[in-house]
């Protein structure tokens, strides 16, 4: 692993204000997981009129650090998604077990409801490139965090804002394996 703190092997400061710029993805993720317990990976939306795909963000390191499935969420700006992943990470680090496969409240402000759904992944899942690189051949789990629309409804509920169905596709499953 390179020396992200800007120190060379001899302990001298390199003077590079961005010491992680030359790390490959695996080393960068490993450094972030070592320092913080997890990394956050955004994936840019695809604006192809024939095959539009929303942007999404997912964690890397929850499984390695806390034995918890990684968490991904769709349709939010990367900064908002990072904030939610940070909030979820704080709960996990504190030993709070968030329910999977059911609707719950208490995580989001104003008692808004949300859900964590199990996502089927394989070891080299292309949807989660950073996790595939970080875990290499080691299997990892993924959960999708589902957030409500402005009326407080979730995607499978009657009255959910249909415009958000493209932004927040439901790739997870309702049942707990």
Protein backbone atom coordinates (compact mmCIF):
# COMPACT_ATOMS: atom_id res chain seq x y z
CA UNK A 1 0.00 0.00 0.00
CA UNK A 2 1.30 3.44 -0.82
CA UNK A 3 1.78 5.99 1.91
CA UNK A 4 -1.43 8.06 1.72
CA UNK A 5 -0.42 10.36 4.54
CA UNK A 6 2.13 11.90 2.20
CA UNK A 7 5.14 10.19 3.80
CA UNK A 8 7.55 8.09 1.85
CA UNK A 9 8.97 4.81 3.10
CA UNK A 10 11.66 6.80 4.95
CA UNK A 11 9.02 8.83 6.87
CA UNK A 12 9.69 12.15 5.12
CA UNK A 13 6.72 14.26 4.02
CA UNK A 14 6.41 14.24 0.23
CA UNK A 15 4.87 17.70 -0.07
CA UNK A 16 2.03 16.35 -2.21
CA UNK A 17 -1.22 17.86 -0.85
CA UNK A 18 -3.21 15.03 -2.50
CA UNK A 19 -1.15 11.95 -1.65
CA UNK A 20 -3.86 9.51 -2.76
CA UNK A 21 -3.95 10.74 -6.35
CA UNK A 22 -1.55 8.05 -7.56
CA UNK A 23 -3.11 5.08 -5.79
CA UNK A 24 -4.90 2.47 -7.85
CA UNK A 25 -8.56 1.91 -6.99
CA UNK A 26 -7.93 -1.13 -4.77
CA UNK A 27 -5.30 0.69 -2.69
CA UNK A 28 -7.39 3.86 -2.47
CA UNK A 29 -10.41 1.91 -1.23
CA UNK A 30 -8.26 -0.08 1.22
CA UNK A 31 -6.82 3.17 2.59
CA UNK A 32 -10.28 4.71 3.01
CA UNK A 33 -11.62 1.57 4.71
CA UNK A 34 -8.57 1.50 7.00
CA UNK A 35 -8.95 5.18 7.94
CA UNK A 36 -12.75 5.47 8.12
CA UNK A 37 -14.16 1.94 8.10
CA UNK A 38 -15.72 2.34 4.66
CA UNK A 39 -15.59 4.23 1.38
CA UNK A 40 -18.42 5.70 -0.66
CA UNK A 41 -18.53 5.13 -4.43
CA UNK A 42 -20.79 7.21 -6.71
CA UNK A 43 -21.81 5.92 -10.15
CA UNK A 44 -22.79 8.58 -12.69
CA UNK A 45 -26.20 8.48 -14.33
CA UNK A 46 -26.47 7.50 -18.00
CA UNK A 47 -28.43 10.01 -20.10
CA UNK A 48 -29.02 7.69 -23.06
CA UNK A 49 -32.59 8.32 -24.32
CA UNK A 50 -32.90 4.64 -25.29
CA UNK A 51 -31.50 3.30 -22.02
CA UNK A 52 -31.50 5.97 -19.28
CA UNK A 53 -30.05 4.86 -15.96
CA UNK A 54 -30.09 6.86 -12.73
CA UNK A 55 -26.97 7.63 -10.77
CA UNK A 56 -26.43 5.77 -7.54
CA UNK A 57 -23.99 5.55 -4.67
CA UNK A 58 -22.87 2.57 -2.61
CA UNK A 59 -20.63 1.75 0.32
CA UNK A 60 -17.46 -0.31 0.22
CA UNK A 61 -16.14 -1.73 3.48
CA UNK A 62 -19.23 -2.30 5.64
CA UNK A 63 -18.80 -6.05 5.16
CA UNK A 64 -15.07 -5.97 5.96
CA UNK A 65 -15.34 -3.60 8.92
CA UNK A 66 -18.60 -4.58 10.62
CA UNK A 67 -19.77 -7.78 8.91
CA UNK A 68 -22.74 -5.85 7.51
CA UNK A 69 -23.93 -5.86 3.92
CA UNK A 70 -22.85 -2.93 1.77
CA UNK A 71 -25.59 -0.36 1.16
CA UNK A 72 -26.51 1.30 -2.11
CA UNK A 73 -29.05 3.97 -2.91
CA UNK A 74 -30.35 5.30 -6.18
CA UNK A 75 -31.61 8.62 -7.45
CA UNK A 76 -29.97 11.04 -5.03
CA UNK A 77 -27.13 13.48 -5.66
CA UNK A 78 -23.82 11.97 -4.51
CA UNK A 79 -23.54 14.41 -1.59
CA UNK A 80 -27.03 13.53 -0.30
CA UNK A 81 -26.36 9.83 -0.82
CA UNK A 82 -23.06 10.12 1.05
CA UNK A 83 -24.88 11.76 3.95
CA UNK A 84 -27.36 8.87 4.14
CA UNK A 85 -24.61 6.26 3.88
CA UNK A 86 -22.71 8.09 6.65
CA UNK A 87 -25.88 8.02 8.77
CA UNK A 88 -26.35 4.29 8.14
CA UNK A 89 -22.66 3.64 8.89
CA UNK A 90 -22.97 5.46 12.22
CA UNK A 91 -25.90 3.23 13.17
CA UNK A 92 -24.03 0.06 12.19
CA UNK A 93 -20.85 1.18 14.00
CA UNK A 94 -22.93 1.82 17.13
CA UNK A 95 -24.25 -1.74 16.99
CA UNK A 96 -27.76 -0.75 15.95
CA UNK A 97 -29.30 -3.38 13.70
CA UNK A 98 -31.46 -1.87 10.97
CA UNK A 99 -34.27 -4.19 9.84
CA UNK A 100 -34.03 -5.72 6.38
CA UNK A 101 -37.00 -6.50 4.17
CA UNK A 102 -39.49 -4.41 6.15
CA UNK A 103 -40.49 -0.77 6.33
CA UNK A 104 -39.09 1.09 9.34
CA UNK A 105 -38.93 4.64 10.66
CA UNK A 106 -36.54 6.43 12.99
CA UNK A 107 -33.52 6.77 10.70
CA UNK A 108 -34.78 9.70 8.63
CA UNK A 109 -36.00 13.03 9.96
CA UNK A 110 -39.69 13.54 10.75
CA UNK A 111 -40.13 9.80 11.25
CA UNK A 112 -40.19 9.26 7.48
CA UNK A 113 -40.34 5.59 6.57
CA UNK A 114 -37.64 3.78 4.65
CA UNK A 115 -36.51 0.22 3.97
CA UNK A 116 -33.42 -1.87 3.34
CA UNK A 117 -33.88 -4.55 0.71
CA UNK A 118 -31.57 -7.47 -0.08
CA UNK A 119 -29.91 -7.22 -3.52
CA UNK A 120 -28.65 -10.28 -5.38
CA UNK A 121 -24.98 -9.77 -6.27
CA UNK A 122 -22.24 -11.94 -7.61
CA UNK A 123 -18.54 -11.56 -6.80
CA UNK A 124 -17.76 -9.37 -9.85
CA UNK A 125 -21.06 -7.51 -10.08
CA UNK A 126 -20.61 -4.73 -12.65
CA UNK A 127 -23.13 -2.50 -10.83
CA UNK A 128 -20.71 -2.21 -7.90
CA UNK A 129 -17.25 -1.88 -9.48
CA UNK A 130 -15.46 -0.55 -6.38
CA UNK A 131 -16.84 -3.35 -4.20
CA UNK A 132 -15.87 -5.95 -6.81
CA UNK A 133 -12.30 -4.57 -6.89
CA UNK A 134 -12.03 -4.24 -3.10
CA UNK A 135 -13.38 -7.70 -2.27
CA UNK A 136 -11.77 -9.37 -5.33
CA UNK A 137 -12.92 -13.00 -5.23
CA UNK A 138 -14.49 -12.73 -1.77
CA UNK A 139 -18.29 -12.61 -1.87
CA UNK A 140 -19.98 -9.52 -0.46
CA UNK A 141 -23.58 -8.68 0.31
CA UNK A 142 -25.52 -5.61 -0.82
CA UNK A 143 -28.70 -3.95 0.41
CA UNK A 144 -30.67 -1.22 -1.29
CA UNK A 145 -31.82 1.69 0.85
CA UNK A 146 -35.29 2.82 -0.27
CA UNK A 147 -36.29 6.40 0.51
CA UNK A 148 -39.81 7.85 0.35
CA UNK A 149 -41.27 10.41 -2.03
CA UNK A 150 -42.48 13.82 -0.80
CA UNK A 151 -45.74 12.27 0.39
CA UNK A 152 -43.84 9.72 2.49
CA UNK A 153 -44.69 6.80 0.18
CA UNK A 154 -42.31 4.07 -0.92
CA UNK A 155 -42.03 2.79 -4.52
CA UNK A 156 -44.31 -0.24 -4.07
CA UNK A 157 -47.11 1.75 -2.43
CA UNK A 158 -50.18 3.12 -4.18
CA UNK A 159 -49.83 6.82 -4.87
CA UNK A 160 -46.00 6.81 -5.01
CA UNK A 161 -44.74 9.60 -7.29
CA UNK A 162 -44.40 7.73 -10.60
CA UNK A 163 -41.75 10.23 -11.81
CA UNK A 164 -39.36 8.80 -9.21
CA UNK A 165 -39.64 5.20 -10.46
CA UNK A 166 -36.84 5.80 -12.98
CA UNK A 167 -34.70 7.65 -10.40
CA UNK A 168 -35.12 4.96 -7.74
CA UNK A 169 -35.55 1.59 -9.41
CA UNK A 170 -36.28 -1.23 -7.03
CA UNK A 171 -33.51 -3.80 -7.54
CA UNK A 172 -33.74 -5.27 -4.05
CA UNK A 173 -36.11 -7.93 -2.72
CA UNK A 174 -38.77 -7.61 -0.05
CA UNK A 175 -37.97 -10.88 1.64
CA UNK A 176 -35.02 -11.64 3.89
CA UNK A 177 -33.01 -14.65 2.63
